[in-house]
All heavy atoms as atom14 arrays in JSON, in Angstrom:
{
  "sequence": "DGIPSVRAPVIFSDAELSIAQPSPALDEHGADV",
  "atom14_mask": [
    [1, 1, 1, 1, 1, 1, 1, 1, 0, 0, 0, 0, 0, 0],
    [1, 1, 1, 1, 0, 0, 0, 0, 0, 0, 0, 0, 0, 0],
    [1, 1, 1, 1, 1, 1, 1, 1, 0, 0, 0, 0, 0, 0],
    [1, 1, 1, 1, 1, 1, 1, 0, 0, 0, 0, 0, 0, 0],
    [1, 1, 1, 1, 1, 1, 0, 0, 0, 0, 0, 0, 0, 0],
    [1, 1, 1, 1, 1, 1, 1, 0, 0, 0, 0, 0, 0, 0],
    [1, 1, 1, 1, 1, 1, 1, 1, 1, 1, 1, 0, 0, 0],
    [1, 1, 1, 1, 1, 0, 0, 0, 0, 0, 0, 0, 0, 0],
    [1, 1, 1, 1, 1, 1, 1, 0, 0, 0, 0, 0, 0, 0],
    [1, 1, 1, 1, 1, 1, 1, 0, 0, 0, 0, 0, 0, 0],
    [1, 1, 1, 1, 1, 1, 1, 1, 0, 0, 0, 0, 0, 0],
    [1, 1, 1, 1, 1, 1, 1, 1, 1, 1, 1, 0, 0, 0],
    [1, 1, 1, 1, 1, 1, 0, 0, 0, 0, 0, 0, 0, 0],
    [1, 1, 1, 1, 1, 1, 1, 1, 0, 0, 0, 0, 0, 0],
    [1, 1, 1, 1, 1, 0, 0, 0, 0, 0, 0, 0, 0, 0],
    [1, 1, 1, 1, 1, 1, 1, 1, 1, 0, 0, 0, 0, 0],
    [1, 1, 1, 1, 1, 1, 1, 1, 0, 0, 0, 0, 0, 0],
    [1, 1, 1, 1, 1, 1, 0, 0, 0, 0, 0, 0, 0, 0],
    [1, 1, 1, 1, 1, 1, 1, 1, 0, 0, 0, 0, 0, 0],
    [1, 1, 1, 1, 1, 0, 0, 0, 0, 0, 0, 0, 0, 0],
    [1, 1, 1, 1, 1, 1, 1, 1, 1, 0, 0, 0, 0, 0],
    [1, 1, 1, 1, 1, 1, 1, 0, 0, 0, 0, 0, 0, 0],
    [1, 1, 1, 1, 1, 1, 0, 0, 0, 0, 0, 0, 0, 0],
    [1, 1, 1, 1, 1, 1, 1, 0, 0, 0, 0, 0, 0, 0],
    [1, 1, 1, 1, 1, 0, 0, 0, 0, 0, 0, 0, 0, 0],
    [1, 1, 1, 1, 1, 1, 1, 1, 0, 0, 0, 0, 0, 0],
    [1, 1, 1, 1, 1, 1, 1, 1, 0, 0, 0, 0, 0, 0],
    [1, 1, 1, 1, 1, 1, 1, 1, 1, 0, 0, 0, 0, 0],
    [1, 1, 1, 1, 1, 1, 1, 1, 1, 1, 0, 0, 0, 0],
    [1, 1, 1, 1, 0, 0, 0, 0, 0, 0, 0, 0, 0, 0],
    [1, 1, 1, 1, 1, 0, 0, 0, 0, 0, 0, 0, 0, 0],
    [1, 1, 1, 1, 1, 1, 1, 1, 0, 0, 0, 0, 0, 0],
    [1, 1, 1, 1, 1, 1, 1, 0, 0, 0, 0, 0, 0, 0]
  ],
  "atom14_positions": [
    [[46.08, 35.47, 89.93], [45.21, 35.72, 88.78], [45.74, 36.9, 87.97], [45.02, 37.81, 87.54], [43.78, 35.96, 89.2], [42.79, 35.85, 88.03], [43.16, 35.23, 86.99], [41.67, 36.38, 88.16], [0.0, 0.0, 0.0], [0.0, 0.0, 0.0], [0.0, 0.0, 0.0], [0.0, 0.0, 0.0], [0.0, 0.0, 0.0], [0.0, 0.0, 0.0]],
    [[47.07, 36.96, 87.76], [47.67, 38.02, 86.97], [48.07, 39.27, 87.75], [48.65, 40.18, 87.18], [0.0, 0.0, 0.0], [0.0, 0.0, 0.0], [0.0, 0.0, 0.0], [0.0, 0.0, 0.0], [0.0, 0.0, 0.0], [0.0, 0.0, 0.0], [0.0, 0.0, 0.0], [0.0, 0.0, 0.0], [0.0, 0.0, 0.0], [0.0, 0.0, 0.0]],
    [[47.73, 39.28, 89.04], [48.11, 40.43, 89.86], [49.24, 40.04, 90.82], [49.13, 39.09, 91.57], [46.89, 40.92, 90.7], [45.8, 41.4, 89.73], [47.3, 42.06, 91.67], [44.52, 41.8, 90.43], [0.0, 0.0, 0.0], [0.0, 0.0, 0.0], [0.0, 0.0, 0.0], [0.0, 0.0, 0.0], [0.0, 0.0, 0.0], [0.0, 0.0, 0.0]],
    [[50.4, 40.73, 90.77], [51.48, 40.36, 91.68], [51.12, 40.71, 93.12], [50.39, 41.67, 93.39], [52.63, 41.27, 91.17], [51.98, 42.45, 90.56], [50.67, 41.92, 89.94], [0.0, 0.0, 0.0], [0.0, 0.0, 0.0], [0.0, 0.0, 0.0], [0.0, 0.0, 0.0], [0.0, 0.0, 0.0], [0.0, 0.0, 0.0], [0.0, 0.0, 0.0]],
    [[51.61, 39.92, 94.04], [51.37, 40.16, 95.46], [52.53, 39.6, 96.27], [53.43, 38.97, 95.71], [50.04, 39.5, 95.9], [49.67, 39.89, 97.17], [0.0, 0.0, 0.0], [0.0, 0.0, 0.0], [0.0, 0.0, 0.0], [0.0, 0.0, 0.0], [0.0, 0.0, 0.0], [0.0, 0.0, 0.0], [0.0, 0.0, 0.0], [0.0, 0.0, 0.0]],
    [[52.53, 39.92, 97.57], [53.57, 39.45, 98.47], [52.92, 38.5, 99.45], [51.97, 38.85, 100.11], [54.22, 40.62, 99.24], [55.34, 40.09, 100.15], [54.77, 41.67, 98.27], [0.0, 0.0, 0.0], [0.0, 0.0, 0.0], [0.0, 0.0, 0.0], [0.0, 0.0, 0.0], [0.0, 0.0, 0.0], [0.0, 0.0, 0.0], [0.0, 0.0, 0.0]],
    [[53.45, 37.25, 99.49], [52.78, 36.26, 100.36], [53.02, 36.57, 101.82], [53.96, 37.28, 102.22], [53.27, 34.86, 100.03], [54.68, 34.53, 100.53], [54.87, 33.02, 100.6], [56.26, 32.68, 100.97], [56.68, 32.64, 102.23], [55.86, 32.93, 103.22], [57.95, 32.33, 102.48], [0.0, 0.0, 0.0], [0.0, 0.0, 0.0], [0.0, 0.0, 0.0]],
    [[52.1, 36.05, 102.65], [52.29, 36.17, 104.12], [53.6, 35.45, 104.49], [53.92, 34.37, 103.96], [51.12, 35.52, 104.86], [0.0, 0.0, 0.0], [0.0, 0.0, 0.0], [0.0, 0.0, 0.0], [0.0, 0.0, 0.0], [0.0, 0.0, 0.0], [0.0, 0.0, 0.0], [0.0, 0.0, 0.0], [0.0, 0.0, 0.0], [0.0, 0.0, 0.0]],
    [[54.36, 36.07, 105.4], [55.73, 35.56, 105.68], [55.67, 34.43, 106.73], [56.41, 34.44, 107.73], [56.41, 36.79, 106.26], [55.32, 37.55, 106.94], [54.11, 37.38, 106.07], [0.0, 0.0, 0.0], [0.0, 0.0, 0.0], [0.0, 0.0, 0.0], [0.0, 0.0, 0.0], [0.0, 0.0, 0.0], [0.0, 0.0, 0.0], [0.0, 0.0, 0.0]],
    [[54.85, 33.44, 106.48], [54.69, 32.31, 107.4], [54.72, 31.04, 106.6], [54.09, 30.94, 105.53], [53.35, 32.43, 108.17], [53.17, 31.22, 109.08], [53.3, 33.72, 108.99], [0.0, 0.0, 0.0], [0.0, 0.0, 0.0], [0.0, 0.0, 0.0], [0.0, 0.0, 0.0], [0.0, 0.0, 0.0], [0.0, 0.0, 0.0], [0.0, 0.0, 0.0]],
    [[55.44, 30.03, 107.1], [55.46, 28.7, 106.5], [55.14, 27.68, 107.6], [55.83, 27.58, 108.56], [56.8, 28.38, 105.85], [57.09, 29.31, 104.68], [56.82, 26.9, 105.33], [58.44, 29.15, 104.01], [0.0, 0.0, 0.0], [0.0, 0.0, 0.0], [0.0, 0.0, 0.0], [0.0, 0.0, 0.0], [0.0, 0.0, 0.0], [0.0, 0.0, 0.0]],
    [[54.0, 27.0, 107.42], [53.57, 25.98, 108.39], [54.13, 24.62, 107.94], [54.21, 24.31, 106.75], [52.06, 25.88, 108.43], [51.39, 27.14, 108.99], [50.75, 28.04, 108.11], [51.34, 27.4, 110.33], [50.13, 29.17, 108.61], [50.72, 28.52, 110.83], [50.08, 29.39, 109.97], [0.0, 0.0, 0.0], [0.0, 0.0, 0.0], [0.0, 0.0, 0.0]],
    [[54.45, 23.78, 108.9], [54.89, 22.43, 108.59], [53.75, 21.48, 108.23], [53.94, 20.5, 107.54], [55.7, 21.84, 109.73], [54.89, 21.56, 110.84], [0.0, 0.0, 0.0], [0.0, 0.0, 0.0], [0.0, 0.0, 0.0], [0.0, 0.0, 0.0], [0.0, 0.0, 0.0], [0.0, 0.0, 0.0], [0.0, 0.0, 0.0], [0.0, 0.0, 0.0]],
    [[52.56, 21.8, 108.76], [51.43, 20.89, 108.56], [50.16, 21.65, 108.19], [49.05, 21.26, 108.58], [51.2, 20.07, 109.82], [50.32, 18.87, 109.57], [50.31, 18.33, 108.44], [49.57, 18.45, 110.52], [0.0, 0.0, 0.0], [0.0, 0.0, 0.0], [0.0, 0.0, 0.0], [0.0, 0.0, 0.0], [0.0, 0.0, 0.0], [0.0, 0.0, 0.0]],
    [[50.29, 22.75, 107.52], [49.11, 23.54, 107.09], [49.57, 24.4, 105.88], [50.74, 24.49, 105.58], [48.63, 24.41, 108.21], [0.0, 0.0, 0.0], [0.0, 0.0, 0.0], [0.0, 0.0, 0.0], [0.0, 0.0, 0.0], [0.0, 0.0, 0.0], [0.0, 0.0, 0.0], [0.0, 0.0, 0.0], [0.0, 0.0, 0.0], [0.0, 0.0, 0.0]],
    [[48.6, 24.97, 105.21], [48.85, 25.81, 104.05], [48.28, 27.18, 104.31], [47.32, 27.37, 105.04], [48.17, 25.18, 102.81], [48.71, 23.81, 102.45], [47.96, 23.23, 101.25], [46.99, 23.88, 100.82], [48.36, 22.13, 100.8], [0.0, 0.0, 0.0], [0.0, 0.0, 0.0], [0.0, 0.0, 0.0], [0.0, 0.0, 0.0], [0.0, 0.0, 0.0]],
    [[48.84, 28.17, 103.62], [48.24, 29.47, 103.53], [47.16, 29.47, 102.48], [47.2, 28.71, 101.55], [49.32, 30.53, 103.19], [50.39, 30.81, 104.24], [51.47, 31.71, 103.69], [49.79, 31.39, 105.51], [0.0, 0.0, 0.0], [0.0, 0.0, 0.0], [0.0, 0.0, 0.0], [0.0, 0.0, 0.0], [0.0, 0.0, 0.0], [0.0, 0.0, 0.0]],
    [[46.22, 30.39, 102.62], [45.22, 30.58, 101.63], [45.53, 31.85, 100.82], [45.04, 32.93, 101.09], [43.83, 30.72, 102.29], [42.82, 30.92, 101.3], [0.0, 0.0, 0.0], [0.0, 0.0, 0.0], [0.0, 0.0, 0.0], [0.0, 0.0, 0.0], [0.0, 0.0, 0.0], [0.0, 0.0, 0.0], [0.0, 0.0, 0.0], [0.0, 0.0, 0.0]],
    [[46.43, 31.68, 99.83], [46.81, 32.83, 99.02], [46.57, 32.43, 97.56], [47.47, 31.93, 96.87], [48.27, 33.24, 99.23], [48.49, 33.53, 100.73], [48.62, 34.46, 98.41], [49.9, 33.97, 101.04], [0.0, 0.0, 0.0], [0.0, 0.0, 0.0], [0.0, 0.0, 0.0], [0.0, 0.0, 0.0], [0.0, 0.0, 0.0], [0.0, 0.0, 0.0]],
    [[45.35, 32.66, 97.13], [44.98, 32.24, 95.75], [44.16, 33.35, 95.04], [44.15, 33.44, 93.86], [44.2, 30.93, 95.75], [0.0, 0.0, 0.0], [0.0, 0.0, 0.0], [0.0, 0.0, 0.0], [0.0, 0.0, 0.0], [0.0, 0.0, 0.0], [0.0, 0.0, 0.0], [0.0, 0.0, 0.0], [0.0, 0.0, 0.0], [0.0, 0.0, 0.0]],
    [[43.45, 34.13, 95.85], [42.57, 35.12, 95.26], [43.13, 36.52, 95.47], [43.53, 36.89, 96.56], [41.21, 35.04, 95.91], [40.48, 33.7, 95.72], [39.17, 33.64, 96.43], [38.68, 34.66, 96.95], [38.57, 32.49, 96.49], [0.0, 0.0, 0.0], [0.0, 0.0, 0.0], [0.0, 0.0, 0.0], [0.0, 0.0, 0.0], [0.0, 0.0, 0.0]],
    [[43.1, 37.35, 94.43], [43.52, 38.75, 94.57], [42.46, 39.57, 95.36], [41.38, 39.04, 95.72], [43.65, 39.23, 93.13], [42.61, 38.39, 92.38], [42.65, 37.06, 93.05], [0.0, 0.0, 0.0], [0.0, 0.0, 0.0], [0.0, 0.0, 0.0], [0.0, 0.0, 0.0], [0.0, 0.0, 0.0], [0.0, 0.0, 0.0], [0.0, 0.0, 0.0]],
    [[42.8, 40.79, 95.62], [41.82, 41.66, 96.27], [40.56, 41.77, 95.36], [40.66, 41.82, 94.14], [42.43, 43.06, 96.5], [43.57, 42.93, 97.3], [0.0, 0.0, 0.0], [0.0, 0.0, 0.0], [0.0, 0.0, 0.0], [0.0, 0.0, 0.0], [0.0, 0.0, 0.0], [0.0, 0.0, 0.0], [0.0, 0.0, 0.0], [0.0, 0.0, 0.0]],
    [[39.41, 41.89, 95.97], [38.17, 41.89, 95.2], [37.88, 43.24, 94.54], [38.28, 44.29, 95.08], [37.09, 41.53, 96.24], [37.66, 42.15, 97.49], [39.15, 41.92, 97.44], [0.0, 0.0, 0.0], [0.0, 0.0, 0.0], [0.0, 0.0, 0.0], [0.0, 0.0, 0.0], [0.0, 0.0, 0.0], [0.0, 0.0, 0.0], [0.0, 0.0, 0.0]],
    [[37.18, 43.18, 93.47], [36.59, 44.43, 92.91], [35.47, 44.89, 93.86], [34.9, 44.11, 94.63], [36.02, 44.16, 91.51], [0.0, 0.0, 0.0], [0.0, 0.0, 0.0], [0.0, 0.0, 0.0], [0.0, 0.0, 0.0], [0.0, 0.0, 0.0], [0.0, 0.0, 0.0], [0.0, 0.0, 0.0], [0.0, 0.0, 0.0], [0.0, 0.0, 0.0]],
    [[35.14, 46.15, 93.79], [34.11, 46.69, 94.71], [32.82, 45.97, 94.46], [32.32, 45.89, 93.33], [33.96, 48.2, 94.47], [32.9, 48.91, 95.27], [33.19, 48.74, 96.79], [32.81, 50.39, 94.86], [0.0, 0.0, 0.0], [0.0, 0.0, 0.0], [0.0, 0.0, 0.0], [0.0, 0.0, 0.0], [0.0, 0.0, 0.0], [0.0, 0.0, 0.0]],
    [[32.22, 45.43, 95.51], [30.95, 44.72, 95.49], [30.94, 43.49, 94.57], [29.92, 43.04, 94.13], [29.8, 45.67, 95.06], [28.42, 45.16, 95.55], [28.32, 44.54, 96.63], [27.45, 45.39, 94.79], [0.0, 0.0, 0.0], [0.0, 0.0, 0.0], [0.0, 0.0, 0.0], [0.0, 0.0, 0.0], [0.0, 0.0, 0.0], [0.0, 0.0, 0.0]],
    [[32.12, 42.92, 94.37], [32.22, 41.76, 93.5], [31.37, 40.59, 93.96], [30.87, 39.82, 93.15], [33.71, 41.33, 93.43], [33.97, 40.15, 92.47], [35.43, 39.78, 92.4], [36.28, 40.6, 92.76], [35.74, 38.63, 91.97], [0.0, 0.0, 0.0], [0.0, 0.0, 0.0], [0.0, 0.0, 0.0], [0.0, 0.0, 0.0], [0.0, 0.0, 0.0]],
    [[31.18, 40.46, 95.29], [30.41, 39.29, 95.8], [29.11, 39.72, 96.42], [28.5, 38.92, 97.11], [31.31, 38.59, 96.82], [32.68, 38.23, 96.32], [33.76, 39.05, 96.48], [33.11, 37.18, 95.62], [34.85, 38.49, 95.91], [34.45, 37.34, 95.39], [0.0, 0.0, 0.0], [0.0, 0.0, 0.0], [0.0, 0.0, 0.0], [0.0, 0.0, 0.0]],
    [[28.73, 40.97, 96.21], [27.51, 41.48, 96.86], [26.23, 40.67, 96.6], [25.56, 40.3, 97.52], [0.0, 0.0, 0.0], [0.0, 0.0, 0.0], [0.0, 0.0, 0.0], [0.0, 0.0, 0.0], [0.0, 0.0, 0.0], [0.0, 0.0, 0.0], [0.0, 0.0, 0.0], [0.0, 0.0, 0.0], [0.0, 0.0, 0.0], [0.0, 0.0, 0.0]],
    [[25.96, 40.4, 95.34], [24.7, 39.69, 95.01], [24.67, 38.29, 95.62], [23.65, 37.9, 96.18], [24.56, 39.63, 93.5], [0.0, 0.0, 0.0], [0.0, 0.0, 0.0], [0.0, 0.0, 0.0], [0.0, 0.0, 0.0], [0.0, 0.0, 0.0], [0.0, 0.0, 0.0], [0.0, 0.0, 0.0], [0.0, 0.0, 0.0], [0.0, 0.0, 0.0]],
    [[25.78, 37.55, 95.48], [25.82, 36.2, 95.99], [25.68, 36.14, 97.52], [24.93, 35.33, 98.1], [27.08, 35.47, 95.58], [27.09, 35.05, 94.14], [25.97, 35.06, 93.55], [28.16, 34.75, 93.59], [0.0, 0.0, 0.0], [0.0, 0.0, 0.0], [0.0, 0.0, 0.0], [0.0, 0.0, 0.0], [0.0, 0.0, 0.0], [0.0, 0.0, 0.0]],
    [[26.43, 37.02, 98.21], [26.39, 37.04, 99.68], [25.04, 37.43, 100.17], [24.48, 36.84, 101.08], [27.51, 37.92, 100.25], [27.33, 38.07, 101.73], [28.88, 37.36, 99.91], [0.0, 0.0, 0.0], [0.0, 0.0, 0.0], [0.0, 0.0, 0.0], [0.0, 0.0, 0.0], [0.0, 0.0, 0.0], [0.0, 0.0, 0.0], [0.0, 0.0, 0.0]]
  ]
}
């Protein structure tokens, strides 16, 4: 989402990494959770 990052150094043959969301803003999900 516009923020550069370094992916986890793992490649699965039959699974995917979950690397789509950047680090959250402080309390970004507080109300919903």
